[in-house]
C-alpha atoms as a PDB file:
ATOM      1  CA  UNK A   1       5.481  15.217  -1.215  1.00  0.00           C
ATOM      2  CA  UNK A   2       6.237  17.215   1.943  1.00  0.00           C
ATOM      3  CA  UNK A   3       6.764  16.742   5.691  1.00  0.00           C
ATOM      4  CA  UNK A   4       5.281  20.292   6.367  1.00  0.00           C
ATOM      5  CA  UNK A   5       2.123  19.718   8.096  1.00  0.00           C
ATOM      6  CA  UNK A   6      -0.617  17.155   8.255  1.00  0.00           C
ATOM      7  CA  UNK A   7      -4.579  17.014   8.088  1.00  0.00           C
ATOM      8  CA  UNK A   8      -6.065  18.238  11.539  1.00  0.00           C
ATOM      9  CA  UNK A   9      -8.193  15.099  11.543  1.00  0.00           C
ATOM     10  CA  UNK A  10      -5.391  12.638  10.691  1.00  0.00           C
ATOM     11  CA  UNK A  11      -4.215  10.636  13.616  1.00  0.00           C
ATOM     12  CA  UNK A  12      -0.522  10.399  12.335  1.00  0.00           C
ATOM     13  CA  UNK A  13       2.278  11.784  14.424  1.00  0.00           C
ATOM     14  CA  UNK A  14       5.205  11.502  11.976  1.00  0.00           C
ATOM     15  CA  UNK A  15       3.286  12.707   8.936  1.00  0.00           C
ATOM     16  CA  UNK A  16       4.039  13.204   5.222  1.00  0.00           C
ATOM     17  CA  UNK A  17       1.658  14.846   2.661  1.00  0.00           C
ATOM     18  CA  UNK A  18       1.276  13.313  -0.787  1.00  0.00           C
ATOM     19  CA  UNK A  19      -0.553  15.627  -3.336  1.00  0.00           C
ATOM     20  CA  UNK A  20      -1.061  14.349  -6.689  1.00  0.00           C
ATOM     21  CA  UNK A  21      -2.304  16.777  -9.290  1.00  0.00           C
ATOM     22  CA  UNK A  22      -5.485  16.477 -11.304  1.00  0.00           C
ATOM     23  CA  UNK A  23      -3.636  17.630 -14.360  1.00  0.00           C
ATOM     24  CA  UNK A  24      -1.682  14.582 -15.646  1.00  0.00           C
ATOM     25  CA  UNK A  25       0.777  16.725 -17.215  1.00  0.00           C
ATOM     26  CA  UNK A  26       1.521  19.019 -14.429  1.00  0.00           C
ATOM     27  CA  UNK A  27       5.006  19.429 -13.129  1.00  0.00           C
ATOM     28  CA  UNK A  28       6.105  17.741  -9.862  1.00  0.00           C
ATOM     29  CA  UNK A  29       6.210  20.373  -6.977  1.00  0.00           C
ATOM     30  CA  UNK A  30       6.262  20.259  -3.272  1.00  0.00           C
ATOM     31  CA  UNK A  31       6.410  22.809  -0.479  1.00  0.00           C
ATOM     32  CA  UNK A  32      10.032  21.886  -0.152  1.00  0.00           C
ATOM     33  CA  UNK A  33      11.268  21.757  -3.688  1.00  0.00           C
ATOM     34  CA  UNK A  34      10.341  23.709  -6.859  1.00  0.00           C
ATOM     35  CA  UNK A  35       9.219  21.821 -10.024  1.00  0.00           C
ATOM     36  CA  UNK A  36      12.035  19.473 -11.192  1.00  0.00           C
ATOM     37  CA  UNK A  37      10.510  17.367 -13.794  1.00  0.00           C
ATOM     38  CA  UNK A  38       7.746  17.892 -16.324  1.00  0.00           C
ATOM     39  CA  UNK A  39       5.096  15.276 -16.737  1.00  0.00           C
ATOM     40  CA  UNK A  40       5.745  13.198 -13.788  1.00  0.00           C
ATOM     41  CA  UNK A  41       7.898  10.038 -13.757  1.00  0.00           C
ATOM     42  CA  UNK A  42       6.958   8.439 -17.021  1.00  0.00           C
ATOM     43  CA  UNK A  43       3.204   7.726 -16.956  1.00  0.00           C
ATOM     44  CA  UNK A  44       3.165   7.611 -13.116  1.00  0.00           C
ATOM     45  CA  UNK A  45       2.351  10.097 -10.480  1.00  0.00           C
ATOM     46  CA  UNK A  46       4.280   8.902  -7.456  1.00  0.00           C
ATOM     47  CA  UNK A  47       4.725  10.323  -3.824  1.00  0.00           C
ATOM     48  CA  UNK A  48       6.033   7.363  -1.990  1.00  0.00           C
ATOM     49  CA  UNK A  49       8.333   6.495   0.856  1.00  0.00           C
ATOM     50  CA  UNK A  50      10.317   3.131   0.774  1.00  0.00           C
ATOM     51  CA  UNK A  51      11.289   1.160   3.844  1.00  0.00           C
ATOM     52  CA  UNK A  52      14.555  -0.210   4.258  1.00  0.00           C
ATOM     53  CA  UNK A  53      14.991  -3.821   2.543  1.00  0.00           C
ATOM     54  CA  UNK A  54      14.508  -6.539   5.006  1.00  0.00           C
ATOM     55  CA  UNK A  55      16.960  -9.408   4.642  1.00  0.00           C
ATOM     56  CA  UNK A  56      15.512 -11.237   7.842  1.00  0.00           C
ATOM     57  CA  UNK A  57      16.527 -14.817   7.504  1.00  0.00           C
ATOM     58  CA  UNK A  58      13.781 -16.341   9.777  1.00  0.00           C
ATOM     59  CA  UNK A  59      10.757 -15.775  11.776  1.00  0.00           C
ATOM     60  CA  UNK A  60       7.879 -13.038  11.168  1.00  0.00           C
ATOM     61  CA  UNK A  61       8.289  -9.471  10.165  1.00  0.00           C
ATOM     62  CA  UNK A  62       5.604  -7.098  11.261  1.00  0.00           C
ATOM     63  CA  UNK A  63       5.097  -3.728   9.242  1.00  0.00           C
ATOM     64  CA  UNK A  64       2.679  -1.014  10.459  1.00  0.00           C
ATOM     65  CA  UNK A  65       1.969   2.108   8.669  1.00  0.00           C
ATOM     66  CA  UNK A  66      -0.983   4.688   8.578  1.00  0.00           C
ATOM     67  CA  UNK A  67      -2.586   6.679   5.918  1.00  0.00           C
ATOM     68  CA  UNK A  68      -5.617   9.213   5.557  1.00  0.00           C
ATOM     69  CA  UNK A  69      -7.236   9.965   2.220  1.00  0.00           C
ATOM     70  CA  UNK A  70      -8.851  13.559   1.816  1.00  0.00           C
ATOM     71  CA  UNK A  71     -12.580  13.697   1.726  1.00  0.00           C
ATOM     72  CA  UNK A  72     -12.263  15.608  -1.395  1.00  0.00           C
ATOM     73  CA  UNK A  73     -11.206  12.465  -3.406  1.00  0.00           C
ATOM     74  CA  UNK A  74     -14.465  11.237  -4.970  1.00  0.00           C
ATOM     75  CA  UNK A  75     -15.787   9.587  -8.107  1.00  0.00           C
ATOM     76  CA  UNK A  76     -12.513   8.161  -8.937  1.00  0.00           C
ATOM     77  CA  UNK A  77     -10.289   6.310  -9.745  1.00  0.00           C
ATOM     78  CA  UNK A  78     -11.692   5.748 -13.244  1.00  0.00           C
ATOM     79  CA  UNK A  79     -12.753   2.141 -14.070  1.00  0.00           C
ATOM     80  CA  UNK A  80     -10.114  -0.236 -15.434  1.00  0.00           C
ATOM     81  CA  UNK A  81      -7.482  -2.526 -13.733  1.00  0.00           C
ATOM     82  CA  UNK A  82      -4.827  -0.087 -14.940  1.00  0.00           C
ATOM     83  CA  UNK A  83      -6.428   2.842 -13.210  1.00  0.00           C
ATOM     84  CA  UNK A  84      -5.747   1.798  -9.617  1.00  0.00           C
ATOM     85  CA  UNK A  85      -4.101   3.771  -6.864  1.00  0.00           C
ATOM     86  CA  UNK A  86      -1.651   2.071  -4.560  1.00  0.00           C
ATOM     87  CA  UNK A  87      -1.459   3.467  -1.014  1.00  0.00           C
ATOM     88  CA  UNK A  88       0.506   0.755   0.768  1.00  0.00           C
ATOM     89  CA  UNK A  89       2.483  -2.261  -0.866  1.00  0.00           C
ATOM     90  CA  UNK A  90       4.792  -5.113  -0.295  1.00  0.00           C
ATOM     91  CA  UNK A  91       7.502  -5.683  -2.837  1.00  0.00           C
ATOM     92  CA  UNK A  92       9.296  -8.816  -3.006  1.00  0.00           C
ATOM     93  CA  UNK A  93      12.914  -8.819  -4.448  1.00  0.00           C
ATOM     94  CA  UNK A  94      12.987 -12.640  -5.049  1.00  0.00           C
ATOM     95  CA  UNK A  95      11.179 -13.286  -8.512  1.00  0.00           C
ATOM     96  CA  UNK A  96      11.132 -17.069  -7.883  1.00  0.00           C
ATOM     97  CA  UNK A  97       9.428 -17.235  -4.427  1.00  0.00           C
ATOM     98  CA  UNK A  98       5.975 -16.248  -2.995  1.00  0.00           C
ATOM     99  CA  UNK A  99       4.231 -13.171  -4.266  1.00  0.00           C
ATOM    100  CA  UNK A 100       5.447 -10.117  -6.230  1.00  0.00           C
ATOM    101  CA  UNK A 101       3.302  -7.816  -4.516  1.00  0.00           C
ATOM    102  CA  UNK A 102       0.584  -7.636  -1.814  1.00  0.00           C
ATOM    103  CA  UNK A 103      -0.925  -4.058  -1.931  1.00  0.00           C
ATOM    104  CA  UNK A 104      -3.786  -1.845  -0.467  1.00  0.00           C
ATOM    105  CA  UNK A 105      -5.320  -0.059  -3.523  1.00  0.00           C
ATOM    106  CA  UNK A 106      -8.354   1.780  -4.705  1.00  0.00           C
ATOM    107  CA  UNK A 107     -10.073   1.651  -8.037  1.00  0.00           C
ATOM    108  CA  UNK A 108     -13.600   1.526  -9.498  1.00  0.00           C
ATOM    109  CA  UNK A 109     -14.978  -2.039 -10.483  1.00  0.00           C
ATOM    110  CA  UNK A 110     -17.488  -2.256 -13.210  1.00  0.00           C
ATOM    111  CA  UNK A 111     -19.025  -5.295 -14.765  1.00  0.00           C
ATOM    112  CA  UNK A 112     -18.026  -7.399 -11.743  1.00  0.00           C
ATOM    113  CA  UNK A 113     -20.264  -9.087  -9.318  1.00  0.00           C
ATOM    114  CA  UNK A 114     -20.011  -6.047  -7.178  1.00  0.00           C
ATOM    115  CA  UNK A 115     -19.655  -2.798  -8.854  1.00  0.00           C
ATOM    116  CA  UNK A 116     -18.414   0.400  -7.173  1.00  0.00           C
ATOM    117  CA  UNK A 117     -15.252   2.204  -5.885  1.00  0.00           C
ATOM    118  CA  UNK A 118     -13.290   0.215  -3.251  1.00  0.00           C
ATOM    119  CA  UNK A 119     -10.149  -0.046  -1.116  1.00  0.00           C
ATOM    120  CA  UNK A 120      -9.132  -3.701  -1.845  1.00  0.00           C
ATOM    121  CA  UNK A 121      -6.106  -5.902  -1.389  1.00  0.00           C
ATOM    122  CA  UNK A 122      -4.325  -6.874  -4.668  1.00  0.00           C
ATOM    123  CA  UNK A 123      -2.201 -10.172  -4.345  1.00  0.00           C
ATOM    124  CA  UNK A 124       0.048 -10.218  -7.476  1.00  0.00           C
ATOM    125  CA  UNK A 125       1.791 -13.599  -8.082  1.00  0.00           C
ATOM    126  CA  UNK A 126       5.228 -13.863  -9.901  1.00  0.00           C
ATOM    127  CA  UNK A 127       3.598 -14.223 -13.236  1.00  0.00           C
ATOM    128  CA  UNK A 128       1.738 -10.875 -12.756  1.00  0.00           C
ATOM    129  CA  UNK A 129      -1.688 -12.374 -12.326  1.00  0.00           C
ATOM    130  CA  UNK A 130      -3.777 -10.535  -9.725  1.00  0.00           C
ATOM    131  CA  UNK A 131      -6.407 -11.593  -7.135  1.00  0.00           C
ATOM    132  CA  UNK A 132      -8.638  -9.395  -5.219  1.00  0.00           C
ATOM    133  CA  UNK A 133      -9.470 -11.321  -2.054  1.00  0.00           C
ATOM    134  CA  UNK A 134     -11.335  -8.586  -0.176  1.00  0.00           C
ATOM    135  CA  UNK A 135     -12.670  -5.038  -0.658  1.00  0.00           C
ATOM    136  CA  UNK A 136     -14.035  -1.906   1.448  1.00  0.00           C
ATOM    137  CA  UNK A 137     -16.160   0.801   0.118  1.00  0.00           C
ATOM    138  CA  UNK A 138     -13.852   3.830  -0.586  1.00  0.00           C
ATOM    139  CA  UNK A 139     -16.403   6.390   0.412  1.00  0.00           C
ATOM    140  CA  UNK A 140     -16.625   4.921   3.930  1.00  0.00           C
ATOM    141  CA  UNK A 141     -12.899   5.208   4.420  1.00  0.00           C
ATOM    142  CA  UNK A 142     -12.464   8.959   3.171  1.00  0.00           C
ATOM    143  CA  UNK A 143     -11.291  11.380   5.936  1.00  0.00           C
ATOM    144  CA  UNK A 144     -10.357   8.653   8.336  1.00  0.00           C
ATOM    145  CA  UNK A 145      -6.993   7.385   9.500  1.00  0.00           C
ATOM    146  CA  UNK A 146      -6.412   3.774   8.498  1.00  0.00           C
ATOM    147  CA  UNK A 147      -3.519   1.618  10.041  1.00  0.00           C
ATOM    148  CA  UNK A 148      -2.361  -1.172   7.923  1.00  0.00           C
ATOM    149  CA  UNK A 149      -0.488  -4.013   9.495  1.00  0.00           C
ATOM    150  CA  UNK A 150       1.563  -6.851   7.356  1.00  0.00           C
ATOM    151  CA  UNK A 151       2.751  -9.885   9.110  1.00  0.00           C
ATOM    152  CA  UNK A 152       5.002 -11.776   6.871  1.00  0.00           C
ATOM    153  CA  UNK A 153       6.502 -15.240   7.657  1.00  0.00           C
ATOM    154  CA  UNK A 154      10.029 -15.511   6.284  1.00  0.00           C
ATOM    155  CA  UNK A 155      10.862 -18.695   4.367  1.00  0.00           C
ATOM    156  CA  UNK A 156       7.444 -20.294   5.214  1.00  0.00           C
ATOM    157  CA  UNK A 157       7.237 -19.352   8.822  1.00  0.00           C
ATOM    158  CA  UNK A 158       3.720 -19.027  10.064  1.00  0.00           C
ATOM    159  CA  UNK A 159       2.272 -16.029  11.485  1.00  0.00           C
ATOM    160  CA  UNK A 160      -0.575 -17.580  13.552  1.00  0.00           C
ATOM    161  CA  UNK A 161      -0.387 -19.996  16.573  1.00  0.00           C
ATOM    162  CA  UNK A 162      -2.139 -22.800  14.585  1.00  0.00           C
ATOM    163  CA  UNK A 163       0.549 -22.823  11.939  1.00  0.00           C
ATOM    164  CA  UNK A 164      -1.876 -22.194   9.055  1.00  0.00           C
ATOM    165  CA  UNK A 165      -0.918 -18.798   7.623  1.00  0.00           C
ATOM    166  CA  UNK A 166       2.287 -17.389   6.174  1.00  0.00           C
ATOM    167  CA  UNK A 167       0.924 -13.839   5.693  1.00  0.00           C
ATOM    168  CA  UNK A 168      -1.629 -11.639   7.184  1.00  0.00           C
ATOM    169  CA  UNK A 169      -2.682  -8.160   5.994  1.00  0.00           C
ATOM    170  CA  UNK A 170      -5.084  -6.257   8.312  1.00  0.00           C
ATOM    171  CA  UNK A 171      -6.708  -2.689   8.060  1.00  0.00           C
ATOM    172  CA  UNK A 172      -8.410  -0.821  10.754  1.00  0.00           C
ATOM    173  CA  UNK A 173      -9.722   2.606  11.571  1.00  0.00           C
ATOM    174  CA  UNK A 174      -7.543   4.236  14.259  1.00  0.00           C
ATOM    175  CA  UNK A 175     -10.260   6.238  15.796  1.00  0.00           C
ATOM    176  CA  UNK A 176     -12.480   3.438  16.597  1.00  0.00           C
ATOM    177  CA  UNK A 177     -10.266   0.314  16.262  1.00  0.00           C
ATOM    178  CA  UNK A 178     -12.977  -1.150  14.007  1.00  0.00           C
ATOM    179  CA  UNK A 179     -11.554  -3.676  11.479  1.00  0.00           C
ATOM    180  CA  UNK A 180     -11.993  -2.943   7.828  1.00  0.00           C
ATOM    181  CA  UNK A 181     -10.644  -6.210   6.425  1.00  0.00           C
ATOM    182  CA  UNK A 182      -8.096  -8.939   6.967  1.00  0.00           C
ATOM    183  CA  UNK A 183      -6.425 -10.979   4.272  1.00  0.00           C
ATOM    184  CA  UNK A 184      -4.439 -14.165   4.923  1.00  0.00           C
ATOM    185  CA  UNK A 185      -2.428 -16.313   2.902  1.00  0.00           C
ATOM    186  CA  UNK A 186      -2.157 -20.225   3.728  1.00  0.00           C
ATOM    187  CA  UNK A 187       1.189 -22.149   4.005  1.00  0.00           C
ATOM    188  CA  UNK A 188      -0.634 -24.802   1.890  1.00  0.00           C
ATOM    189  CA  UNK A 189      -0.847 -22.208  -1.055  1.00  0.00           C
ATOM    190  CA  UNK A 190       2.721 -20.975  -0.452  1.00  0.00           C
ATOM    191  CA  UNK A 191       4.689 -23.409   1.583  1.00  0.00           C
ATOM    192  CA  UNK A 192       7.974 -21.371   1.221  1.00  0.00           C
ATOM    193  CA  UNK A 193       6.222 -18.194   2.237  1.00  0.00           C
ATOM    194  CA  UNK A 194       5.182 -15.063   0.234  1.00  0.00           C
ATOM    195  CA  UNK A 195       8.775 -13.728   0.869  1.00  0.00           C
ATOM    196  CA  UNK A 196      12.032 -15.289   1.843  1.00  0.00           C
ATOM    197  CA  UNK A 197      15.447 -13.976   3.170  1.00  0.00           C
ATOM    198  CA  UNK A 198      16.435 -12.426  -0.060  1.00  0.00           C
ATOM    199  CA  UNK A 199      14.720  -9.087   0.757  1.00  0.00           C
ATOM    200  CA  UNK A 200      11.392  -7.349   0.642  1.00  0.00           C
ATOM    201  CA  UNK A 201      10.200  -3.926   1.564  1.00  0.00           C
ATOM    202  CA  UNK A 202       7.063  -1.722   2.101  1.00  0.00           C
ATOM    203  CA  UNK A 203       6.177   1.234  -0.028  1.00  0.00           C
ATOM    204  CA  UNK A 204       3.601   3.777   1.145  1.00  0.00           C
ATOM    205  CA  UNK A 205       2.013   7.074   0.098  1.00  0.00           C
ATOM    206  CA  UNK A 206       0.283   7.490  -3.321  1.00  0.00           C
ATOM    207  CA  UNK A 207       1.043   5.862  -6.807  1.00  0.00           C
ATOM    208  CA  UNK A 208      -1.113   5.977  -9.823  1.00  0.00           C
ATOM    209  CA  UNK A 209      -0.944   6.153 -13.538  1.00  0.00           C
ATOM    210  CA  UNK A 210      -1.704   9.665 -14.861  1.00  0.00           C
ATOM    211  CA  UNK A 211      -4.899   9.526 -16.918  1.00  0.00           C
ATOM    212  CA  UNK A 212      -7.331  12.133 -18.360  1.00  0.00           C
ATOM    213  CA  UNK A 213     -10.216  12.766 -16.056  1.00  0.00           C
ATOM    214  CA  UNK A 214      -8.399  12.135 -12.915  1.00  0.00           C
ATOM    215  CA  UNK A 215      -9.016  14.371  -9.766  1.00  0.00           C
ATOM    216  CA  UNK A 216      -6.405  15.704  -7.196  1.00  0.00           C
ATOM    217  CA  UNK A 217      -5.567  13.174  -4.581  1.00  0.00           C
ATOM    218  CA  UNK A 218      -4.283  14.286  -1.342  1.00  0.00           C
ATOM    219  CA  UNK A 219      -3.130  11.580   1.052  1.00  0.00           C
ATOM    220  CA  UNK A 220      -1.363  11.927   4.505  1.00  0.00           C
ATOM    221  CA  UNK A 221       0.684   9.021   5.611  1.00  0.00           C
ATOM    222  CA  UNK A 222       3.340   8.018   8.051  1.00  0.00           C
ATOM    223  CA  UNK A 223       4.135   6.421  11.443  1.00  0.00           C
ATOM    224  CA  UNK A 224       5.767   3.444   9.731  1.00  0.00           C
ATOM    225  CA  UNK A 225       7.430   0.880  11.938  1.00  0.00           C
ATOM    226  CA  UNK A 226       8.878  -2.681  11.565  1.00  0.00           C
ATOM    227  CA  UNK A 227       9.529  -5.371  14.007  1.00  0.00           C
ATOM    228  CA  UNK A 228      12.191  -6.793  14.079  1.00  0.00           C
ATOM    229  CA  UNK A 229      14.305  -3.925  12.620  1.00  0.00           C
ATOM    230  CA  UNK A 230      15.632  -4.809   9.087  1.00  0.00           C
ATOM    231  CA  UNK A 231      18.851  -6.560   9.021  1.00  0.00           C
ATOM    232  CA  UNK A 232      21.292  -5.015   6.515  1.00  0.00           C
ATOM    233  CA  UNK A 233      24.092  -7.597   5.243  1.00  0.00           C
ATOM    234  CA  UNK A 234      27.646  -6.210   5.176  1.00  0.00           C
ATOM    235  CA  UNK A 235      28.585  -4.771   1.605  1.00  0.00           C
END
């Protein structure tokens, strides 16, 4: 991972580069650091940034981040639920409330009602069960800058004026403003919200399980912001 340079077509000002090798056994290396670990991190290839933990007690927290997938990334990821790539994700530190994760990922679906390779939202509950409420063709997203916005109601706060939803995840193309998808979570389903004041954070970049047959994956990402800013309790 490096902050040295960005794609000339990516609409990202404060930009990082994630370059995951096609070889699942290749050492990790960036422009800034020589190889320091053989074989990646366990079975994972990761080039991620983590936001500060958010301990906000009330209200709505809005996170925004941009990413841009290289046009050379085609015909992958391989089929299978364990072969997904995560580009943006929400991580909940409280294992008894709400969702464990709410991610923007990509993978190839086969044997489903709609087969193909998609960007999609994965909602992961505390038992580890996953739901895929929406998707967008990955081919149509390559080479374009995407802005993802999370609106998360703390402790059951609603994110809309009608008081229906406790979370909203929206993705749009930066160049045109065209919306790719929106996923909402209702207060009826999660009356205490998908996160509470015990902390959550966003991750962004690229994260995948190293597998035979994978291709090189280059992603540019950055311009992360949060409102309100995270509150850090005294140590």
